[in-house]
C-alpha atoms as a PDB file:
ATOM      1  CA  MET A   1       3.376  31.681 -22.213  1.00  0.00           C
ATOM      2  CA  PRO A   2       4.429  35.295 -21.512  1.00  0.00           C
ATOM      3  CA  ASN A   3       2.087  37.950 -22.833  1.00  0.00           C
ATOM      4  CA  THR A   4       3.051  41.360 -24.201  1.00  0.00           C
ATOM      5  CA  GLN A   5       3.305  42.846 -20.708  1.00  0.00           C
ATOM      6  CA  GLY A   6       5.907  40.286 -19.585  1.00  0.00           C
ATOM      7  CA  THR A   7       3.611  38.362 -17.256  1.00  0.00           C
ATOM      8  CA  THR A   8       2.472  34.805 -17.616  1.00  0.00           C
ATOM      9  CA  ASP A   9      -0.857  34.009 -19.241  1.00  0.00           C
ATOM     10  CA  LYS A  10      -2.316  31.923 -16.400  1.00  0.00           C
ATOM     11  CA  PRO A  11      -5.389  30.674 -18.263  1.00  0.00           C
ATOM     12  CA  TYR A  12      -3.057  29.320 -20.958  1.00  0.00           C
ATOM     13  CA  LEU A  13      -1.051  27.420 -18.327  1.00  0.00           C
ATOM     14  CA  VAL A  14      -4.188  26.082 -16.662  1.00  0.00           C
ATOM     15  CA  ARG A  15      -5.546  24.823 -19.988  1.00  0.00           C
ATOM     16  CA  ARG A  16      -2.209  23.236 -20.828  1.00  0.00           C
ATOM     17  CA  ILE A  17      -1.917  21.474 -17.470  1.00  0.00           C
ATOM     18  CA  ALA A  18      -5.556  20.363 -17.598  1.00  0.00           C
ATOM     19  CA  ARG A  19      -4.944  18.574 -20.909  1.00  0.00           C
ATOM     20  CA  ARG A  20      -2.171  16.424 -19.466  1.00  0.00           C
ATOM     21  CA  PRO A  21      -3.286  12.929 -18.554  1.00  0.00           C
ATOM     22  CA  ILE A  22      -3.131  12.244 -14.853  1.00  0.00           C
ATOM     23  CA  THR A  23      -1.274   9.059 -14.070  1.00  0.00           C
ATOM     24  CA  PRO A  24      -1.235   7.794 -10.510  1.00  0.00           C
ATOM     25  CA  PRO A  25       2.161   7.169  -8.967  1.00  0.00           C
ATOM     26  CA  PRO A  26       3.335   3.584  -9.117  1.00  0.00           C
ATOM     27  CA  THR A  27       2.452   1.482  -6.104  1.00  0.00           C
ATOM     28  CA  PRO A  28       5.145  -0.569  -4.421  1.00  0.00           C
ATOM     29  CA  GLY A  29       5.296  -4.317  -4.619  1.00  0.00           C
ATOM     30  CA  ASP A  30       4.098  -7.015  -6.939  1.00  0.00           C
ATOM     31  CA  PRO A  31       0.460  -8.101  -6.602  1.00  0.00           C
ATOM     32  CA  ARG A  32       1.318 -11.416  -8.265  1.00  0.00           C
ATOM     33  CA  GLY A  33       2.865 -12.401  -4.912  1.00  0.00           C
ATOM     34  CA  ILE A  34      -0.452 -12.193  -3.060  1.00  0.00           C
ATOM     35  CA  HIS A  35      -1.372 -15.784  -3.888  1.00  0.00           C
ATOM     36  CA  LEU A  36       1.871 -16.922  -2.219  1.00  0.00           C
ATOM     37  CA  LEU A  37       0.874 -15.451   1.157  1.00  0.00           C
ATOM     38  CA  THR A  38      -0.264 -17.767   3.924  1.00  0.00           C
ATOM     39  CA  PRO A  39      -3.510 -16.906   5.711  1.00  0.00           C
ATOM     40  CA  ARG A  40      -1.505 -15.651   8.712  1.00  0.00           C
ATOM     41  CA  GLU A  41       0.720 -13.474   6.513  1.00  0.00           C
ATOM     42  CA  ARG A  42      -2.431 -11.986   4.981  1.00  0.00           C
ATOM     43  CA  GLN A  43      -3.721 -11.168   8.473  1.00  0.00           C
ATOM     44  CA  VAL A  44      -0.426  -9.522   9.400  1.00  0.00           C
ATOM     45  CA  LEU A  45      -0.375  -7.559   6.139  1.00  0.00           C
ATOM     46  CA  LEU A  46      -3.909  -6.269   6.642  1.00  0.00           C
ATOM     47  CA  LEU A  47      -3.022  -5.101  10.146  1.00  0.00           C
ATOM     48  CA  ILE A  48       0.147  -3.439   8.817  1.00  0.00           C
ATOM     49  CA  GLY A  49      -2.158  -1.620   6.403  1.00  0.00           C
ATOM     50  CA  HIS A  50      -4.034  -0.275   9.433  1.00  0.00           C
ATOM     51  CA  ALA A  51      -0.742   0.997  10.911  1.00  0.00           C
ATOM     52  CA  ALA A  52      -0.762  -1.490  13.777  1.00  0.00           C
ATOM     53  CA  PRO A  53       2.594  -1.923  15.524  1.00  0.00           C
ATOM     54  CA  ASN A  54       4.070  -5.425  15.885  1.00  0.00           C
ATOM     55  CA  ARG A  55       3.108  -5.702  19.547  1.00  0.00           C
ATOM     56  CA  GLU A  56      -0.545  -4.935  18.783  1.00  0.00           C
ATOM     57  CA  ILE A  57      -0.563  -7.365  15.845  1.00  0.00           C
ATOM     58  CA  GLY A  58       0.830 -10.081  18.101  1.00  0.00           C
ATOM     59  CA  ARG A  59      -1.788  -9.371  20.745  1.00  0.00           C
ATOM     60  CA  LYS A  60      -4.656  -9.415  18.237  1.00  0.00           C
ATOM     61  CA  LEU A  61      -3.492 -12.633  16.601  1.00  0.00           C
ATOM     62  CA  GLY A  62      -2.329 -14.373  19.764  1.00  0.00           C
ATOM     63  CA  ILE A  63       1.283 -14.759  18.601  1.00  0.00           C
ATOM     64  CA  ALA A  64       4.633 -13.491  19.835  1.00  0.00           C
ATOM     65  CA  GLU A  65       6.015 -10.201  18.569  1.00  0.00           C
ATOM     66  CA  ARG A  66       9.015 -12.119  17.219  1.00  0.00           C
ATOM     67  CA  THR A  67       6.644 -14.287  15.166  1.00  0.00           C
ATOM     68  CA  VAL A  68       5.001 -11.154  13.779  1.00  0.00           C
ATOM     69  CA  LYS A  69       8.436  -9.969  12.652  1.00  0.00           C
ATOM     70  CA  ALA A  70       9.072 -13.318  10.954  1.00  0.00           C
ATOM     71  CA  HIS A  71       5.722 -13.173   9.135  1.00  0.00           C
ATOM     72  CA  LEU A  72       6.428  -9.583   8.119  1.00  0.00           C
ATOM     73  CA  ALA A  73       9.843 -10.464   6.697  1.00  0.00           C
ATOM     74  CA  ASN A  74       8.376 -13.416   4.774  1.00  0.00           C
ATOM     75  CA  LEU A  75       5.441 -11.500   3.317  1.00  0.00           C
ATOM     76  CA  MET A  76       7.618  -8.526   2.352  1.00  0.00           C
ATOM     77  CA  ASP A  77       9.819 -10.901   0.394  1.00  0.00           C
ATOM     78  CA  LYS A  78       6.830 -12.512  -1.327  1.00  0.00           C
ATOM     79  CA  ILE A  79       5.213  -9.233  -2.424  1.00  0.00           C
ATOM     80  CA  HIS A  80       8.560  -7.579  -3.209  1.00  0.00           C
ATOM     81  CA  VAL A  81       8.483  -4.572  -0.900  1.00  0.00           C
ATOM     82  CA  ALA A  82      11.501  -3.232   0.943  1.00  0.00           C
ATOM     83  CA  THR A  83       9.960  -1.346   3.875  1.00  0.00           C
ATOM     84  CA  ARG A  84       7.065  -1.553   6.289  1.00  0.00           C
ATOM     85  CA  VAL A  85       5.646   1.649   4.779  1.00  0.00           C
ATOM     86  CA  GLU A  86       5.664   0.057   1.325  1.00  0.00           C
ATOM     87  CA  ALA A  87       3.900  -2.982   2.803  1.00  0.00           C
ATOM     88  CA  ALA A  88       1.242  -0.719   4.355  1.00  0.00           C
ATOM     89  CA  ILE A  89       0.677   1.072   1.046  1.00  0.00           C
ATOM     90  CA  PHE A  90       0.513  -2.282  -0.729  1.00  0.00           C
ATOM     91  CA  ALA A  91      -2.064  -3.532   1.800  1.00  0.00           C
ATOM     92  CA  TYR A  92      -4.175  -0.418   1.293  1.00  0.00           C
ATOM     93  CA  VAL A  93      -4.079  -0.570  -2.508  1.00  0.00           C
ATOM     94  CA  HIS A  94      -4.598  -4.326  -2.791  1.00  0.00           C
ATOM     95  CA  HIS A  95      -6.910  -4.889   0.182  1.00  0.00           C
ATOM     96  CA  GLN A  96      -9.636  -6.615  -1.856  1.00  0.00           C
ATOM     97  CA  ASP A  97      -7.105  -9.000  -3.379  1.00  0.00           C
ATOM     98  CA  ILE A  98      -5.542  -9.791  -0.021  1.00  0.00           C
ATOM     99  CA  HIS A  99      -8.891 -10.465   1.603  1.00  0.00           C
ATOM    100  CA  PRO A 100     -11.740 -10.523  -0.927  1.00  0.00           C
ATOM    101  CA  ASP A 101     -14.391 -11.621   1.613  1.00  0.00           C
ATOM    102  CA  GLU A 102     -14.732  -8.324   3.503  1.00  0.00           C
ATOM    103  CA  ASP A 103     -17.666  -9.536   5.622  1.00  0.00           C
ATOM    104  CA  ARG A 104     -15.593 -12.280   7.216  1.00  0.00           C
ATOM    105  CA  CYS A 105     -12.258 -10.485   7.581  1.00  0.00           C
ATOM    106  CA  PRO A 106     -10.081 -12.541   9.957  1.00  0.00           C
ATOM    107  CA  VAL A 107      -8.540  -9.535  11.686  1.00  0.00           C
END
């Protein structure tokens, strides 16, 4: 709100902004699709969440890079994400749901 000198009353703006509820941005994907993922797709998704490239995922899991791509396409369809970045964000946000037993993580 401008004051009598034509400048903005900064404390007023700060108070007004501070009263607004903070809502996190929506996360991509549909967590209801997690239960549809195979164990291997879950492994691939967790590694995508750690920014691993396909070649590294294949090496870690002992599968061909082409197979990694197939798993990635299938899991992206199941969790309703359109890009690898969305899949990585999804993996980060829903990590506990993807692999609830952190002590025995398969990847």
